[in-house]
Amino acid sequence: MACAFAYPDRVAAQELWRGLDLGASPKSVRQAFPDATQPLSIVTLADGETDDLVTHGLFLGDRLMEVRFFFREGGLTTVQLAPVAIDPGRPADNLQFARTLAGRLTTRYGQPFDCGDKSYAGVDLYECKWLAKPIVVRLWYLDAQGQAPSLRIVFRKADDAAYDF
């Protein structure tokens, strides 16, 4: 008896960021971002992913961004963006930049959840998350009284157990 159920030839690709699919090879990332190179020191995430490629060739607004591409078992799992430099003497401008980026991400991915200013006791914290299946996008800005402020935007698969780093 012949089986009437047919399997698709290929699973549809799931875009992670700027045309790069989840699971893309380092070669594919280099083709899309020719200036991507190996970082001077490799960062390993809790789930064993490593940032095998990095580029400093992206501007968001007036800020030069570092883009890190994380891979696990040869496949792209995460893209992380962070400004190359944040001026600790401009906390209001930095917070406004985070809000502006959140607005841009909302335009692209729809309404965020768990979003807003969560500052408390001298610590500025602004955080937003977007669920755009199959990915989750997270933005957070943290500044503890001008001591090494940081801003990150992370794109990764939504159902990945290690997504919340």
Protein backbone atom coordinates (compact mmCIF):
# COMPACT_ATOMS: atom_id res chain seq x y z
CA MET A 1 0.00 0.00 0.00
CA ALA A 2 1.46 3.36 -1.03
CA CYS A 3 1.67 6.14 1.51
CA ALA A 4 -0.37 9.20 0.55
CA PHE A 5 1.58 11.50 2.88
CA ALA A 6 4.44 13.32 1.17
CA TYR A 7 7.36 15.03 2.88
CA PRO A 8 8.51 18.39 1.57
CA ASP A 9 11.85 18.38 -0.23
CA ARG A 10 13.22 21.23 1.87
CA VAL A 11 12.30 23.04 5.03
CA ALA A 12 11.74 26.76 4.44
CA ALA A 13 14.63 28.94 5.57
CA GLN A 14 14.09 31.11 8.62
CA GLU A 15 15.60 34.57 8.34
CA LEU A 16 17.51 35.71 11.40
CA TRP A 17 18.87 39.14 10.39
CA ARG A 18 19.36 41.13 7.19
CA GLY A 19 18.88 38.20 4.82
CA LEU A 20 20.95 35.75 6.86
CA ASP A 21 19.15 32.53 7.69
CA LEU A 22 19.32 30.62 10.95
CA GLY A 23 21.98 27.99 10.49
CA ALA A 24 23.87 29.93 7.80
CA SER A 25 27.49 28.91 7.44
CA PRO A 26 30.41 31.23 8.22
CA LYS A 27 31.09 31.28 4.47
CA SER A 28 27.56 32.57 3.79
CA VAL A 29 27.96 35.27 6.43
CA ARG A 30 31.28 36.36 4.89
CA GLN A 31 29.62 36.55 1.48
CA ALA A 32 26.88 38.80 2.89
CA PHE A 33 29.33 40.83 4.99
CA PRO A 34 32.72 40.75 3.20
CA ASP A 35 34.41 42.83 5.92
CA ALA A 36 33.54 40.27 8.62
CA THR A 37 36.65 38.77 10.20
CA GLN A 38 37.56 36.60 13.15
CA PRO A 39 37.48 38.59 16.40
CA LEU A 40 40.71 39.17 18.31
CA SER A 41 39.29 37.16 21.20
CA ILE A 42 36.43 34.69 20.89
CA VAL A 43 33.41 34.97 23.19
CA THR A 44 31.64 31.74 24.14
CA LEU A 45 28.03 31.85 25.30
CA ALA A 46 26.55 29.53 27.91
CA ASP A 47 25.22 27.18 25.24
CA GLY A 48 28.63 26.81 23.57
CA GLU A 49 28.04 29.28 20.74
CA THR A 50 31.09 31.28 19.68
CA ASP A 51 31.35 34.60 17.90
CA ASP A 52 33.47 33.36 15.03
CA LEU A 53 32.93 36.51 12.94
CA VAL A 54 32.70 40.23 13.71
CA THR A 55 32.35 43.41 11.66
CA HIS A 56 32.42 47.10 12.47
CA GLY A 57 30.86 48.19 9.19
CA LEU A 58 27.31 49.10 10.22
CA PHE A 59 25.93 52.47 11.25
CA LEU A 60 22.65 52.87 13.11
CA GLY A 61 21.87 56.56 13.16
CA ASP A 62 25.17 58.28 13.92
CA ARG A 63 26.64 55.32 15.83
CA LEU A 64 29.14 52.85 14.46
CA MET A 65 28.03 49.38 15.53
CA GLU A 66 29.95 46.19 16.15
CA VAL A 67 28.11 43.14 14.79
CA ARG A 68 29.02 39.74 16.24
CA PHE A 69 27.91 36.54 14.52
CA PHE A 70 27.60 33.55 16.86
CA PHE A 71 27.73 29.97 15.57
CA ARG A 72 27.07 26.55 17.06
CA GLU A 73 28.15 23.45 15.15
CA GLY A 74 28.92 25.56 12.08
CA GLY A 75 25.50 27.20 11.88
CA LEU A 76 24.52 30.80 12.67
CA THR A 77 22.42 31.03 15.83
CA THR A 78 22.72 34.62 17.05
CA VAL A 79 23.54 38.11 15.80
CA GLN A 80 24.46 40.72 18.40
CA LEU A 81 24.83 44.46 17.75
CA ALA A 82 26.50 46.92 20.11
CA PRO A 83 27.83 50.44 19.63
CA VAL A 84 31.61 50.53 19.20
CA ALA A 85 31.70 53.28 21.83
CA ILE A 86 29.22 54.82 24.25
CA ASP A 87 30.04 58.15 25.85
CA PRO A 88 29.45 57.73 29.60
CA GLY A 89 29.17 61.51 29.92
CA ARG A 90 25.98 61.59 27.83
CA PRO A 91 23.48 59.34 29.64
CA ALA A 92 20.39 61.21 28.38
CA ASP A 93 21.60 60.95 24.75
CA ASN A 94 22.41 57.26 25.21
CA LEU A 95 18.97 56.52 26.64
CA GLN A 96 17.34 58.47 23.80
CA PHE A 97 19.37 56.44 21.29
CA ALA A 98 18.05 53.22 22.87
CA ARG A 99 14.49 54.55 22.61
CA THR A 100 15.05 55.55 18.98
CA LEU A 101 16.34 52.06 18.16
CA ALA A 102 13.34 50.55 19.94
CA GLY A 103 11.08 52.65 17.72
CA ARG A 104 12.86 51.41 14.61
CA LEU A 105 12.60 47.80 15.76
CA THR A 106 8.88 48.28 16.51
CA THR A 107 8.37 49.55 12.96
CA ARG A 108 10.07 46.41 11.63
CA TYR A 109 8.80 43.73 14.06
CA GLY A 110 5.54 45.10 15.48
CA GLN A 111 4.62 45.93 19.04
CA PRO A 112 7.15 44.80 21.64
CA PHE A 113 6.36 43.10 24.91
CA ASP A 114 7.96 43.73 28.27
CA CYS A 115 9.15 47.11 27.04
CA GLY A 116 10.08 50.35 28.70
CA ASP A 117 12.17 52.23 31.19
CA LYS A 118 13.04 50.07 34.20
CA SER A 119 15.50 52.47 35.84
CA TYR A 120 15.88 52.32 39.60
CA ALA A 121 18.21 53.71 42.27
CA GLY A 122 20.81 55.29 40.00
CA VAL A 123 20.79 52.48 37.44
CA ASP A 124 19.35 53.38 34.04
CA LEU A 125 17.77 50.36 32.38
CA TYR A 126 15.71 50.36 29.22
CA GLU A 127 14.64 47.05 27.73
CA CYS A 128 12.32 45.78 25.00
CA LYS A 129 11.60 42.40 23.42
CA TRP A 130 9.90 41.53 20.13
CA LEU A 131 8.65 38.10 19.19
CA ALA A 132 8.77 37.76 15.42
CA LYS A 133 8.59 34.00 14.99
CA PRO A 134 10.83 32.25 14.42
CA ILE A 135 13.08 34.82 16.10
CA VAL A 136 13.11 36.96 19.20
CA VAL A 137 14.74 40.37 19.22
CA ARG A 138 15.96 41.94 22.44
CA LEU A 139 17.26 45.43 23.08
CA TRP A 140 18.65 46.60 26.36
CA TYR A 141 20.53 49.62 27.60
CA LEU A 142 22.20 49.60 31.00
CA ASP A 143 24.05 52.42 32.74
CA ALA A 144 25.03 52.19 36.41
CA GLN A 145 25.88 55.79 37.29
CA GLY A 146 28.03 56.34 34.20
CA GLN A 147 30.18 53.26 34.80
CA ALA A 148 30.64 51.50 31.45
CA PRO A 149 27.19 51.99 29.91
CA SER A 150 26.21 49.29 27.43
CA LEU A 151 23.62 48.81 24.72
CA ARG A 152 22.88 45.56 22.92
CA ILE A 153 20.47 44.30 20.34
CA VAL A 154 20.29 40.52 19.98
CA PHE A 155 18.56 38.46 17.29
CA ARG A 156 18.16 34.71 17.88
CA LYS A 157 15.76 31.82 17.45
CA ALA A 158 12.79 32.25 19.78
CA ASP A 159 12.55 28.68 21.00
CA ASP A 160 16.28 28.28 21.65
CA ALA A 161 16.70 27.29 25.29
CA ALA A 162 19.70 29.61 25.70
CA TYR A 163 18.15 32.68 24.09
CA ASP A 164 17.92 34.79 27.23
CA PHE A 165 21.55 35.78 27.77
